[in-house]
Amino acid sequence: MKEENIEMAIDPLTGEEFVPKRSNQKFANRENQIRYNNLKAARERLAKAKTRKILNTNRKALQQVLGSRHEVVRSLDYLKGAGLDLQFCTHTIKIQNLKWTCIDDYAYTLIDKNTFKIIKLNQ
């Protein structure tokens, strides 16, 4: 009799051994794959939660300060009082040789020692 060489795989979620039906199969079943990916996404969300909370607070502060205007100039103390944390941003851009610090769709730039201009991007 001829012996078949059966390759076994180990499910990353449960650690159980199984015989894969496809060459690229990593999980014993679809439920394990879904649960594994949901747990992985939950860990990533948890790791980003503190930073994202600060960014959301920053965005709300800029939104409140700007109101319905296209641009506004405010002091550093005013912005800090509104809840802005200058250590957290999503990205920076350059507009007319000025570096703008952005929080999602809002941006601010230093215009003198203690004063910032705030705008909403993509109006």
C-alpha atoms as a PDB file:
ATOM      1  CA  MET A   1       0.000   0.000   0.000  1.00  0.00           C
ATOM      2  CA  LYS A   2       1.011   3.545  -0.711  1.00  0.00           C
ATOM      3  CA  GLU A   3       1.107   5.963   2.242  1.00  0.00           C
ATOM      4  CA  GLU A   4      -0.214   9.456   1.666  1.00  0.00           C
ATOM      5  CA  ASN A   5       1.804  12.313   3.036  1.00  0.00           C
ATOM      6  CA  ILE A   6      -0.876  14.406   4.782  1.00  0.00           C
ATOM      7  CA  GLU A   7       0.245  17.889   5.794  1.00  0.00           C
ATOM      8  CA  MET A   8      -1.219  19.111   9.054  1.00  0.00           C
ATOM      9  CA  ALA A   9      -1.723  22.740  10.009  1.00  0.00           C
ATOM     10  CA  ILE A  10      -2.241  24.457  13.355  1.00  0.00           C
ATOM     11  CA  ASP A  11      -5.127  26.890  13.850  1.00  0.00           C
ATOM     12  CA  PRO A  12      -3.670  30.226  15.141  1.00  0.00           C
ATOM     13  CA  LEU A  13      -6.714  30.844  17.362  1.00  0.00           C
ATOM     14  CA  THR A  14      -7.255  27.494  19.060  1.00  0.00           C
ATOM     15  CA  GLY A  15      -3.919  25.765  18.496  1.00  0.00           C
ATOM     16  CA  GLU A  16      -5.702  22.650  17.246  1.00  0.00           C
ATOM     17  CA  GLU A  17      -4.236  20.540  14.481  1.00  0.00           C
ATOM     18  CA  PHE A  18      -6.309  20.093  11.337  1.00  0.00           C
ATOM     19  CA  VAL A  19      -6.004  18.905   7.757  1.00  0.00           C
ATOM     20  CA  PRO A  20      -6.308  21.948   5.464  1.00  0.00           C
ATOM     21  CA  LYS A  21      -8.576  21.580   2.445  1.00  0.00           C
ATOM     22  CA  ARG A  22      -6.739  24.357   0.572  1.00  0.00           C
ATOM     23  CA  SER A  23      -3.045  25.146   0.349  1.00  0.00           C
ATOM     24  CA  ASN A  24      -3.551  28.614   1.862  1.00  0.00           C
ATOM     25  CA  GLN A  25      -5.960  27.598   4.660  1.00  0.00           C
ATOM     26  CA  LYS A  26      -4.771  28.838   8.065  1.00  0.00           C
ATOM     27  CA  PHE A  27      -7.814  28.227  10.254  1.00  0.00           C
ATOM     28  CA  ALA A  28      -9.711  25.022  11.031  1.00  0.00           C
ATOM     29  CA  ASN A  29     -13.018  26.735  10.187  1.00  0.00           C
ATOM     30  CA  ARG A  30     -14.524  30.069   9.175  1.00  0.00           C
ATOM     31  CA  GLU A  31     -15.752  30.856  12.708  1.00  0.00           C
ATOM     32  CA  ASN A  32     -12.186  30.657  14.070  1.00  0.00           C
ATOM     33  CA  GLN A  33     -10.980  33.010  11.325  1.00  0.00           C
ATOM     34  CA  ILE A  34     -13.710  35.559  12.104  1.00  0.00           C
ATOM     35  CA  ARG A  35     -13.109  35.375  15.858  1.00  0.00           C
ATOM     36  CA  TYR A  36      -9.323  35.679  15.404  1.00  0.00           C
ATOM     37  CA  ASN A  37      -9.688  38.760  13.178  1.00  0.00           C
ATOM     38  CA  ASN A  38     -12.251  40.353  15.532  1.00  0.00           C
ATOM     39  CA  LEU A  39      -9.928  39.858  18.515  1.00  0.00           C
ATOM     40  CA  LYS A  40      -7.019  41.315  16.531  1.00  0.00           C
ATOM     41  CA  ALA A  41      -9.092  44.379  15.542  1.00  0.00           C
ATOM     42  CA  ALA A  42     -10.239  44.845  19.156  1.00  0.00           C
ATOM     43  CA  ARG A  43      -6.597  44.837  20.362  1.00  0.00           C
ATOM     44  CA  GLU A  44      -5.708  47.464  17.755  1.00  0.00           C
ATOM     45  CA  ARG A  45      -8.680  49.663  18.729  1.00  0.00           C
ATOM     46  CA  LEU A  46      -7.744  49.381  22.393  1.00  0.00           C
ATOM     47  CA  ALA A  47      -4.142  50.353  21.650  1.00  0.00           C
ATOM     48  CA  LYS A  48      -5.302  53.459  19.763  1.00  0.00           C
ATOM     49  CA  ALA A  49      -8.176  54.418  22.092  1.00  0.00           C
ATOM     50  CA  LYS A  50      -6.334  56.896  24.338  1.00  0.00           C
ATOM     51  CA  THR A  51      -4.764  58.769  21.433  1.00  0.00           C
ATOM     52  CA  ARG A  52      -8.001  58.781  19.415  1.00  0.00           C
ATOM     53  CA  LYS A  53      -9.905  60.176  22.430  1.00  0.00           C
ATOM     54  CA  ILE A  54      -7.465  63.101  22.664  1.00  0.00           C
ATOM     55  CA  LEU A  55      -7.680  63.668  18.896  1.00  0.00           C
ATOM     56  CA  ASN A  56     -11.492  63.699  19.079  1.00  0.00           C
ATOM     57  CA  THR A  57     -11.348  66.232  21.917  1.00  0.00           C
ATOM     58  CA  ASN A  58      -8.937  68.360  19.866  1.00  0.00           C
ATOM     59  CA  ARG A  59     -11.193  68.216  16.805  1.00  0.00           C
ATOM     60  CA  LYS A  60     -14.246  69.225  18.859  1.00  0.00           C
ATOM     61  CA  ALA A  61     -12.291  72.119  20.399  1.00  0.00           C
ATOM     62  CA  LEU A  62     -11.234  73.428  16.969  1.00  0.00           C
ATOM     63  CA  GLN A  63     -14.754  72.932  15.620  1.00  0.00           C
ATOM     64  CA  GLN A  64     -16.217  74.898  18.524  1.00  0.00           C
ATOM     65  CA  VAL A  65     -13.641  77.698  18.275  1.00  0.00           C
ATOM     66  CA  LEU A  66     -14.138  78.068  14.513  1.00  0.00           C
ATOM     67  CA  GLY A  67     -17.926  77.841  14.609  1.00  0.00           C
ATOM     68  CA  SER A  68     -19.460  78.768  11.249  1.00  0.00           C
ATOM     69  CA  ARG A  69     -16.567  81.050  10.239  1.00  0.00           C
ATOM     70  CA  HIS A  70     -14.016  80.148   7.548  1.00  0.00           C
ATOM     71  CA  GLU A  71     -11.048  81.183   9.689  1.00  0.00           C
ATOM     72  CA  VAL A  72     -10.403  82.607  13.119  1.00  0.00           C
ATOM     73  CA  VAL A  73      -7.387  83.864  15.105  1.00  0.00           C
ATOM     74  CA  ARG A  74      -7.084  82.888  18.772  1.00  0.00           C
ATOM     75  CA  SER A  75      -4.442  82.985  21.490  1.00  0.00           C
ATOM     76  CA  LEU A  76      -2.690  79.896  22.798  1.00  0.00           C
ATOM     77  CA  ASP A  77      -4.346  80.330  26.209  1.00  0.00           C
ATOM     78  CA  TYR A  78      -7.788  80.478  24.583  1.00  0.00           C
ATOM     79  CA  LEU A  79      -7.131  77.275  22.630  1.00  0.00           C
ATOM     80  CA  LYS A  80      -5.803  75.451  25.687  1.00  0.00           C
ATOM     81  CA  GLY A  81      -8.849  76.620  27.635  1.00  0.00           C
ATOM     82  CA  ALA A  82     -11.054  75.197  24.872  1.00  0.00           C
ATOM     83  CA  GLY A  83      -9.363  71.818  25.382  1.00  0.00           C
ATOM     84  CA  LEU A  84      -6.753  71.734  22.606  1.00  0.00           C
ATOM     85  CA  ASP A  85      -3.698  69.558  23.314  1.00  0.00           C
ATOM     86  CA  LEU A  86      -0.943  70.711  20.949  1.00  0.00           C
ATOM     87  CA  GLN A  87       1.016  67.459  21.352  1.00  0.00           C
ATOM     88  CA  PHE A  88      -1.502  65.443  19.311  1.00  0.00           C
ATOM     89  CA  CYS A  89      -2.324  65.864  15.630  1.00  0.00           C
ATOM     90  CA  THR A  90      -3.172  63.661  12.661  1.00  0.00           C
ATOM     91  CA  HIS A  91      -0.897  65.230  10.057  1.00  0.00           C
ATOM     92  CA  THR A  92       0.767  68.427   8.820  1.00  0.00           C
ATOM     93  CA  ILE A  93       0.457  70.189   5.493  1.00  0.00           C
ATOM     94  CA  LYS A  94       2.109  73.127   3.796  1.00  0.00           C
ATOM     95  CA  ILE A  95      -0.063  75.919   2.364  1.00  0.00           C
ATOM     96  CA  GLN A  96       1.620  79.002   0.889  1.00  0.00           C
ATOM     97  CA  ASN A  97       4.906  78.219   2.681  1.00  0.00           C
ATOM     98  CA  LEU A  98       3.162  77.917   6.064  1.00  0.00           C
ATOM     99  CA  LYS A  99       3.197  74.641   7.996  1.00  0.00           C
ATOM    100  CA  TRP A 100      -0.326  73.809   9.197  1.00  0.00           C
ATOM    101  CA  THR A 101      -0.914  71.272  11.952  1.00  0.00           C
ATOM    102  CA  CYS A 102      -4.053  69.264  11.226  1.00  0.00           C
ATOM    103  CA  ILE A 103      -6.556  67.309  13.231  1.00  0.00           C
ATOM    104  CA  ASP A 104      -8.650  65.473  10.652  1.00  0.00           C
ATOM    105  CA  ASP A 105     -10.357  68.265   8.656  1.00  0.00           C
ATOM    106  CA  TYR A 106      -9.270  71.226  10.829  1.00  0.00           C
ATOM    107  CA  ALA A 107      -5.886  72.955  10.770  1.00  0.00           C
ATOM    108  CA  TYR A 108      -4.035  75.585  12.747  1.00  0.00           C
ATOM    109  CA  THR A 109      -0.793  77.470  12.301  1.00  0.00           C
ATOM    110  CA  LEU A 110       1.266  79.770  14.501  1.00  0.00           C
ATOM    111  CA  ILE A 111       1.075  83.330  13.171  1.00  0.00           C
ATOM    112  CA  ASP A 112       3.073  85.012  15.923  1.00  0.00           C
ATOM    113  CA  LYS A 113       4.518  84.188  19.331  1.00  0.00           C
ATOM    114  CA  ASN A 114       1.243  83.308  21.054  1.00  0.00           C
ATOM    115  CA  THR A 115      -1.430  83.471  18.345  1.00  0.00           C
ATOM    116  CA  PHE A 116      -2.830  80.802  16.032  1.00  0.00           C
ATOM    117  CA  LYS A 117      -4.968  80.903  12.917  1.00  0.00           C
ATOM    118  CA  ILE A 118      -7.535  78.119  12.614  1.00  0.00           C
ATOM    119  CA  ILE A 119      -9.220  76.982   9.397  1.00  0.00           C
ATOM    120  CA  LYS A 120     -11.421  74.147   8.188  1.00  0.00           C
ATOM    121  CA  LEU A 121      -9.909  72.180   5.327  1.00  0.00           C
ATOM    122  CA  ASN A 122     -11.831  71.211   2.164  1.00  0.00           C
ATOM    123  CA  GLN A 123     -14.633  73.744   2.419  1.00  0.00           C
END
